[in-house]
N, C-alpha and C. Protein backbone atom coordinates (compact mmCIF):
# COMPACT_ATOMS: atom_id res chain seq x y z
N MET A 1 -37.43 -5.48 5.43
CA MET A 1 -36.03 -5.61 5.81
C MET A 1 -35.65 -7.07 6.01
N GLN A 2 -36.57 -7.83 6.58
CA GLN A 2 -36.28 -9.24 6.82
C GLN A 2 -36.18 -10.01 5.50
N MET A 3 -36.94 -9.61 4.50
CA MET A 3 -36.87 -10.25 3.19
C MET A 3 -35.51 -10.04 2.55
N LEU A 4 -34.94 -8.85 2.72
CA LEU A 4 -33.62 -8.56 2.18
C LEU A 4 -32.55 -9.44 2.82
N GLU A 5 -32.69 -9.71 4.10
CA GLU A 5 -31.74 -10.60 4.78
C GLU A 5 -31.85 -12.03 4.26
N TRP A 6 -33.06 -12.47 3.95
CA TRP A 6 -33.23 -13.82 3.40
C TRP A 6 -32.63 -13.91 2.00
N VAL A 7 -32.79 -12.88 1.21
CA VAL A 7 -32.20 -12.87 -0.14
C VAL A 7 -30.68 -12.91 -0.03
N ARG A 8 -30.13 -12.13 0.89
CA ARG A 8 -28.68 -12.15 1.10
C ARG A 8 -28.21 -13.52 1.58
N PHE A 9 -28.96 -14.13 2.49
CA PHE A 9 -28.61 -15.46 3.00
C PHE A 9 -28.60 -16.50 1.87
N VAL A 10 -29.61 -16.44 1.00
CA VAL A 10 -29.68 -17.40 -0.11
C VAL A 10 -28.53 -17.16 -1.09
N ALA A 11 -28.21 -15.89 -1.36
CA ALA A 11 -27.08 -15.59 -2.26
C ALA A 11 -25.77 -16.10 -1.68
N VAL A 12 -25.55 -15.87 -0.39
CA VAL A 12 -24.33 -16.38 0.27
C VAL A 12 -24.29 -17.89 0.18
N LEU A 13 -25.41 -18.53 0.45
CA LEU A 13 -25.48 -19.99 0.40
C LEU A 13 -25.18 -20.51 -1.01
N LEU A 14 -25.73 -19.86 -2.03
CA LEU A 14 -25.48 -20.29 -3.41
C LEU A 14 -24.01 -20.15 -3.79
N PHE A 15 -23.39 -19.03 -3.42
CA PHE A 15 -21.98 -18.84 -3.74
C PHE A 15 -21.10 -19.87 -3.02
N LEU A 16 -21.37 -20.10 -1.74
CA LEU A 16 -20.55 -21.06 -0.99
C LEU A 16 -20.73 -22.49 -1.50
N VAL A 17 -21.97 -22.87 -1.77
CA VAL A 17 -22.21 -24.22 -2.29
C VAL A 17 -21.61 -24.38 -3.68
N SER A 18 -21.70 -23.35 -4.50
CA SER A 18 -21.09 -23.42 -5.84
C SER A 18 -19.58 -23.55 -5.74
N GLY A 19 -18.95 -22.78 -4.86
CA GLY A 19 -17.50 -22.88 -4.69
C GLY A 19 -17.06 -24.24 -4.18
N ILE A 20 -17.78 -24.78 -3.21
CA ILE A 20 -17.44 -26.09 -2.68
C ILE A 20 -17.69 -27.17 -3.73
N SER A 21 -18.73 -27.02 -4.54
CA SER A 21 -18.99 -27.98 -5.62
C SER A 21 -17.86 -27.97 -6.65
N ILE A 22 -17.35 -26.78 -6.97
CA ILE A 22 -16.22 -26.69 -7.89
C ILE A 22 -15.00 -27.40 -7.30
N PHE A 23 -14.78 -27.23 -6.00
CA PHE A 23 -13.66 -27.92 -5.36
C PHE A 23 -13.82 -29.44 -5.43
N LEU A 24 -15.03 -29.93 -5.24
CA LEU A 24 -15.26 -31.38 -5.32
C LEU A 24 -15.07 -31.90 -6.74
N LEU A 25 -15.53 -31.15 -7.73
CA LEU A 25 -15.30 -31.55 -9.12
C LEU A 25 -13.81 -31.53 -9.46
N GLU A 26 -13.12 -30.54 -8.92
CA GLU A 26 -11.67 -30.46 -9.13
C GLU A 26 -10.98 -31.68 -8.52
N LEU A 27 -11.39 -32.06 -7.33
CA LEU A 27 -10.80 -33.22 -6.67
C LEU A 27 -11.02 -34.48 -7.49
N PHE A 28 -12.23 -34.64 -8.02
CA PHE A 28 -12.53 -35.78 -8.88
C PHE A 28 -11.65 -35.76 -10.14
N GLY A 29 -11.49 -34.59 -10.74
CA GLY A 29 -10.69 -34.47 -11.96
C GLY A 29 -9.21 -34.74 -11.72
N VAL A 30 -8.70 -34.30 -10.58
CA VAL A 30 -7.28 -34.53 -10.28
C VAL A 30 -7.00 -36.02 -10.14
N PHE A 31 -7.90 -36.76 -9.53
CA PHE A 31 -7.69 -38.19 -9.40
C PHE A 31 -8.09 -38.98 -10.63
N ARG A 32 -8.91 -38.41 -11.48
CA ARG A 32 -9.39 -39.10 -12.68
C ARG A 32 -8.36 -39.10 -13.81
N PHE A 33 -7.71 -37.95 -14.04
CA PHE A 33 -6.76 -37.85 -15.13
C PHE A 33 -5.44 -38.50 -14.75
N ARG A 34 -4.78 -39.09 -15.76
CA ARG A 34 -3.51 -39.77 -15.50
C ARG A 34 -2.31 -38.89 -15.80
N PHE A 35 -2.40 -38.03 -16.79
CA PHE A 35 -1.26 -37.22 -17.19
C PHE A 35 -1.18 -35.96 -16.34
N VAL A 36 0.03 -35.60 -15.95
CA VAL A 36 0.22 -34.51 -14.99
C VAL A 36 -0.26 -33.16 -15.52
N LEU A 37 -0.14 -32.90 -16.81
CA LEU A 37 -0.58 -31.61 -17.34
C LEU A 37 -2.11 -31.50 -17.31
N ASN A 38 -2.80 -32.60 -17.53
CA ASN A 38 -4.26 -32.58 -17.41
C ASN A 38 -4.68 -32.32 -15.97
N ARG A 39 -4.00 -32.97 -15.04
CA ARG A 39 -4.29 -32.75 -13.63
C ARG A 39 -4.06 -31.30 -13.23
N MET A 40 -2.97 -30.75 -13.73
CA MET A 40 -2.62 -29.39 -13.37
C MET A 40 -3.64 -28.39 -13.92
N GLN A 41 -4.14 -28.63 -15.11
CA GLN A 41 -5.12 -27.72 -15.70
C GLN A 41 -6.40 -27.73 -14.89
N VAL A 42 -6.84 -28.91 -14.49
CA VAL A 42 -8.06 -29.01 -13.70
C VAL A 42 -7.86 -28.35 -12.33
N ALA A 43 -6.70 -28.58 -11.72
CA ALA A 43 -6.44 -28.01 -10.40
C ALA A 43 -6.36 -26.49 -10.45
N ALA A 44 -5.73 -25.96 -11.47
CA ALA A 44 -5.56 -24.49 -11.54
C ALA A 44 -6.89 -23.79 -11.77
N THR A 45 -7.69 -24.28 -12.71
CA THR A 45 -8.96 -23.62 -12.98
C THR A 45 -9.94 -23.83 -11.82
N GLY A 46 -9.92 -25.01 -11.23
CA GLY A 46 -10.82 -25.27 -10.10
C GLY A 46 -10.48 -24.43 -8.89
N ASP A 47 -9.20 -24.29 -8.60
CA ASP A 47 -8.80 -23.45 -7.46
C ASP A 47 -9.20 -22.01 -7.66
N THR A 48 -8.91 -21.49 -8.83
CA THR A 48 -9.21 -20.08 -9.08
C THR A 48 -10.70 -19.80 -8.99
N LEU A 49 -11.50 -20.62 -9.64
CA LEU A 49 -12.94 -20.39 -9.64
C LEU A 49 -13.57 -20.73 -8.29
N GLY A 50 -13.16 -21.83 -7.68
CA GLY A 50 -13.75 -22.24 -6.41
C GLY A 50 -13.46 -21.26 -5.29
N ILE A 51 -12.21 -20.82 -5.19
CA ILE A 51 -11.86 -19.86 -4.15
C ILE A 51 -12.57 -18.53 -4.40
N SER A 52 -12.65 -18.13 -5.64
CA SER A 52 -13.32 -16.86 -5.95
C SER A 52 -14.80 -16.90 -5.55
N LEU A 53 -15.48 -17.99 -5.88
CA LEU A 53 -16.89 -18.10 -5.51
C LEU A 53 -17.09 -18.12 -4.00
N CYS A 54 -16.25 -18.87 -3.31
CA CYS A 54 -16.36 -18.92 -1.84
C CYS A 54 -16.07 -17.55 -1.23
N MET A 55 -15.07 -16.86 -1.73
CA MET A 55 -14.74 -15.54 -1.19
C MET A 55 -15.85 -14.53 -1.47
N VAL A 56 -16.47 -14.59 -2.64
CA VAL A 56 -17.60 -13.69 -2.92
C VAL A 56 -18.74 -13.97 -1.94
N GLY A 57 -18.98 -15.24 -1.66
CA GLY A 57 -20.00 -15.58 -0.66
C GLY A 57 -19.65 -15.03 0.71
N LEU A 58 -18.40 -15.11 1.10
CA LEU A 58 -17.99 -14.57 2.39
C LEU A 58 -18.06 -13.05 2.42
N ILE A 59 -17.77 -12.42 1.29
CA ILE A 59 -17.88 -10.95 1.22
C ILE A 59 -19.34 -10.54 1.39
N LEU A 60 -20.25 -11.26 0.74
CA LEU A 60 -21.68 -10.94 0.90
C LEU A 60 -22.15 -11.18 2.34
N ALA A 61 -21.63 -12.22 2.97
CA ALA A 61 -22.04 -12.51 4.34
C ALA A 61 -21.49 -11.48 5.32
N ASN A 62 -20.29 -10.98 5.03
CA ASN A 62 -19.63 -10.04 5.95
C ASN A 62 -20.16 -8.63 5.82
N GLY A 63 -20.57 -8.23 4.65
CA GLY A 63 -21.01 -6.86 4.45
C GLY A 63 -19.87 -5.99 3.94
N ALA A 64 -20.14 -4.72 3.76
CA ALA A 64 -19.14 -3.80 3.22
C ALA A 64 -18.32 -3.21 4.35
N ASP A 65 -17.10 -3.72 4.54
CA ASP A 65 -16.17 -3.15 5.50
C ASP A 65 -14.74 -3.42 5.06
N PHE A 66 -13.80 -3.14 5.93
CA PHE A 66 -12.39 -3.27 5.57
C PHE A 66 -12.00 -4.73 5.31
N THR A 67 -12.60 -5.66 6.03
CA THR A 67 -12.31 -7.08 5.82
C THR A 67 -12.76 -7.53 4.44
N SER A 68 -13.87 -7.04 3.98
CA SER A 68 -14.35 -7.38 2.64
C SER A 68 -13.41 -6.82 1.57
N ALA A 69 -12.87 -5.63 1.82
CA ALA A 69 -11.91 -5.06 0.87
C ALA A 69 -10.65 -5.92 0.78
N LYS A 70 -10.22 -6.46 1.91
CA LYS A 70 -9.05 -7.35 1.90
C LYS A 70 -9.37 -8.65 1.16
N MET A 71 -10.60 -9.13 1.31
CA MET A 71 -10.98 -10.35 0.58
C MET A 71 -11.01 -10.10 -0.92
N VAL A 72 -11.42 -8.93 -1.34
CA VAL A 72 -11.39 -8.58 -2.77
C VAL A 72 -9.95 -8.58 -3.27
N LEU A 73 -9.03 -8.05 -2.47
CA LEU A 73 -7.61 -8.07 -2.85
C LEU A 73 -7.07 -9.50 -2.94
N VAL A 74 -7.53 -10.37 -2.06
CA VAL A 74 -7.11 -11.78 -2.12
C VAL A 74 -7.61 -12.41 -3.41
N ILE A 75 -8.85 -12.13 -3.80
CA ILE A 75 -9.39 -12.66 -5.05
C ILE A 75 -8.57 -12.17 -6.24
N ILE A 76 -8.25 -10.89 -6.26
CA ILE A 76 -7.46 -10.34 -7.36
C ILE A 76 -6.08 -10.98 -7.41
N PHE A 77 -5.44 -11.15 -6.26
CA PHE A 77 -4.14 -11.80 -6.21
C PHE A 77 -4.21 -13.23 -6.73
N LEU A 78 -5.23 -13.97 -6.31
CA LEU A 78 -5.36 -15.36 -6.76
C LEU A 78 -5.64 -15.45 -8.25
N TRP A 79 -6.40 -14.50 -8.79
CA TRP A 79 -6.68 -14.52 -10.23
C TRP A 79 -5.42 -14.29 -11.05
N PHE A 80 -4.44 -13.58 -10.49
CA PHE A 80 -3.18 -13.38 -11.19
C PHE A 80 -2.17 -14.47 -10.88
N ALA A 81 -2.06 -14.90 -9.63
CA ALA A 81 -0.99 -15.80 -9.21
C ALA A 81 -1.23 -17.26 -9.61
N SER A 82 -2.43 -17.74 -9.49
CA SER A 82 -2.69 -19.16 -9.74
C SER A 82 -2.44 -19.56 -11.20
N PRO A 83 -2.97 -18.85 -12.19
CA PRO A 83 -2.68 -19.25 -13.57
C PRO A 83 -1.21 -19.10 -13.94
N VAL A 84 -0.56 -18.08 -13.42
CA VAL A 84 0.86 -17.88 -13.75
C VAL A 84 1.71 -18.98 -13.15
N SER A 85 1.47 -19.32 -11.90
CA SER A 85 2.27 -20.37 -11.27
C SER A 85 2.03 -21.73 -11.92
N SER A 86 0.78 -22.05 -12.25
CA SER A 86 0.52 -23.33 -12.90
C SER A 86 1.11 -23.37 -14.31
N HIS A 87 1.14 -22.22 -14.99
CA HIS A 87 1.77 -22.18 -16.31
C HIS A 87 3.27 -22.43 -16.21
N VAL A 88 3.92 -21.87 -15.20
CA VAL A 88 5.36 -22.08 -15.02
C VAL A 88 5.64 -23.55 -14.72
N ILE A 89 4.83 -24.16 -13.87
CA ILE A 89 5.04 -25.57 -13.56
C ILE A 89 4.76 -26.45 -14.77
N ALA A 90 3.74 -26.12 -15.56
CA ALA A 90 3.45 -26.88 -16.77
C ALA A 90 4.57 -26.75 -17.79
N ARG A 91 5.13 -25.57 -17.90
CA ARG A 91 6.26 -25.35 -18.82
C ARG A 91 7.46 -26.18 -18.40
N LEU A 92 7.72 -26.25 -17.09
CA LEU A 92 8.81 -27.08 -16.58
C LEU A 92 8.57 -28.55 -16.89
N GLU A 93 7.35 -29.01 -16.73
CA GLU A 93 7.01 -30.40 -17.04
C GLU A 93 7.18 -30.67 -18.53
N TYR A 94 6.77 -29.74 -19.37
CA TYR A 94 6.89 -29.91 -20.82
C TYR A 94 8.35 -29.99 -21.24
N ILE A 95 9.20 -29.19 -20.63
CA ILE A 95 10.62 -29.18 -21.01
C ILE A 95 11.36 -30.39 -20.48
N THR A 96 11.05 -30.85 -19.27
CA THR A 96 11.85 -31.91 -18.64
C THR A 96 11.28 -33.31 -18.78
N ASP A 97 10.06 -33.48 -19.27
CA ASP A 97 9.46 -34.81 -19.35
C ASP A 97 10.04 -35.58 -20.53
N GLU A 98 10.64 -36.73 -20.22
CA GLU A 98 11.23 -37.55 -21.28
C GLU A 98 10.19 -38.42 -21.97
N THR A 99 9.07 -38.67 -21.34
CA THR A 99 8.02 -39.53 -21.91
C THR A 99 6.84 -38.71 -22.41
N LEU A 100 7.09 -37.51 -22.87
CA LEU A 100 6.01 -36.62 -23.28
C LEU A 100 5.26 -37.15 -24.49
N GLU A 101 5.98 -37.74 -25.46
CA GLU A 101 5.32 -38.25 -26.66
C GLU A 101 4.40 -39.43 -26.37
N GLU A 102 4.66 -40.16 -25.30
CA GLU A 102 3.79 -41.28 -24.94
C GLU A 102 2.47 -40.81 -24.35
N ASN A 103 2.48 -39.64 -23.72
CA ASN A 103 1.31 -39.17 -23.00
C ASN A 103 0.46 -38.17 -23.76
N CYS A 104 1.02 -37.52 -24.75
CA CYS A 104 0.23 -36.53 -25.47
C CYS A 104 0.72 -36.43 -26.91
N ARG A 105 -0.07 -35.76 -27.71
CA ARG A 105 0.26 -35.55 -29.11
C ARG A 105 0.70 -34.10 -29.28
N ILE A 106 1.85 -33.90 -29.87
CA ILE A 106 2.39 -32.56 -30.07
C ILE A 106 2.09 -32.14 -31.50
N VAL A 107 1.42 -31.02 -31.64
CA VAL A 107 1.06 -30.50 -32.94
C VAL A 107 1.74 -29.14 -33.10
N GLU A 108 2.52 -29.02 -34.14
CA GLU A 108 3.19 -27.75 -34.38
C GLU A 108 2.34 -26.91 -35.32
N ALA A 109 2.25 -25.66 -35.02
CA ALA A 109 1.44 -24.74 -35.82
C ALA A 109 2.21 -24.36 -37.08
N LYS A 110 1.52 -24.40 -38.20
CA LYS A 110 2.12 -23.99 -39.47
C LYS A 110 1.74 -22.55 -39.76
N GLU A 111 2.59 -21.90 -40.47
CA GLU A 111 2.26 -20.55 -40.88
C GLU A 111 1.33 -20.65 -42.08
N PRO A 112 0.25 -19.90 -42.09
CA PRO A 112 -0.70 -20.01 -43.20
C PRO A 112 -0.05 -19.58 -44.52
N GLU A 113 -0.44 -20.32 -45.55
CA GLU A 113 0.10 -20.00 -46.87
C GLU A 113 -0.60 -18.75 -47.40
N ARG A 114 0.18 -17.89 -47.98
CA ARG A 114 -0.39 -16.66 -48.52
C ARG A 114 -0.43 -16.76 -50.04
N GLU A 115 -1.55 -16.35 -50.55
CA GLU A 115 -1.68 -16.35 -52.01
C GLU A 115 -1.08 -15.04 -52.53
N GLU A 116 -0.24 -15.19 -53.50
CA GLU A 116 0.37 -13.99 -54.07
C GLU A 116 -0.63 -13.34 -55.00
N GLU A 117 -0.69 -12.05 -54.87
CA GLU A 117 -1.61 -11.31 -55.74
C GLU A 117 -0.98 -11.14 -57.11
N GLU A 118 -1.79 -11.39 -58.10
CA GLU A 118 -1.31 -11.21 -59.48
C GLU A 118 -1.55 -9.76 -59.89
N THR A 119 -0.54 -9.15 -60.42
CA THR A 119 -0.68 -7.75 -60.82
C THR A 119 -0.87 -7.60 -62.31
């Protein structure tokens, strides 16, 4: 029984350290990139993954009860809300930025050419 507690402790520790490491990498990326859309991409993915890993660690530490179920709901909410909100903000930046061509390259997608079948 004591071995199982040590395995659980190590798993909780790994999840929490992984989540905090993702947050630190996100912080470095936010200050490293100059363009706002690059910063936003790093912040959105880092928040979603870092919070999820930390919450999974807390769920393992807490055990199976009602509080853990609420933490699972928080993870699900964050997985839906964070990418959607960052996409809306990025779309606003794309539409309103007057210096967009200076900061990035815009590539328009072409429709693939279709070969006509000879009958």
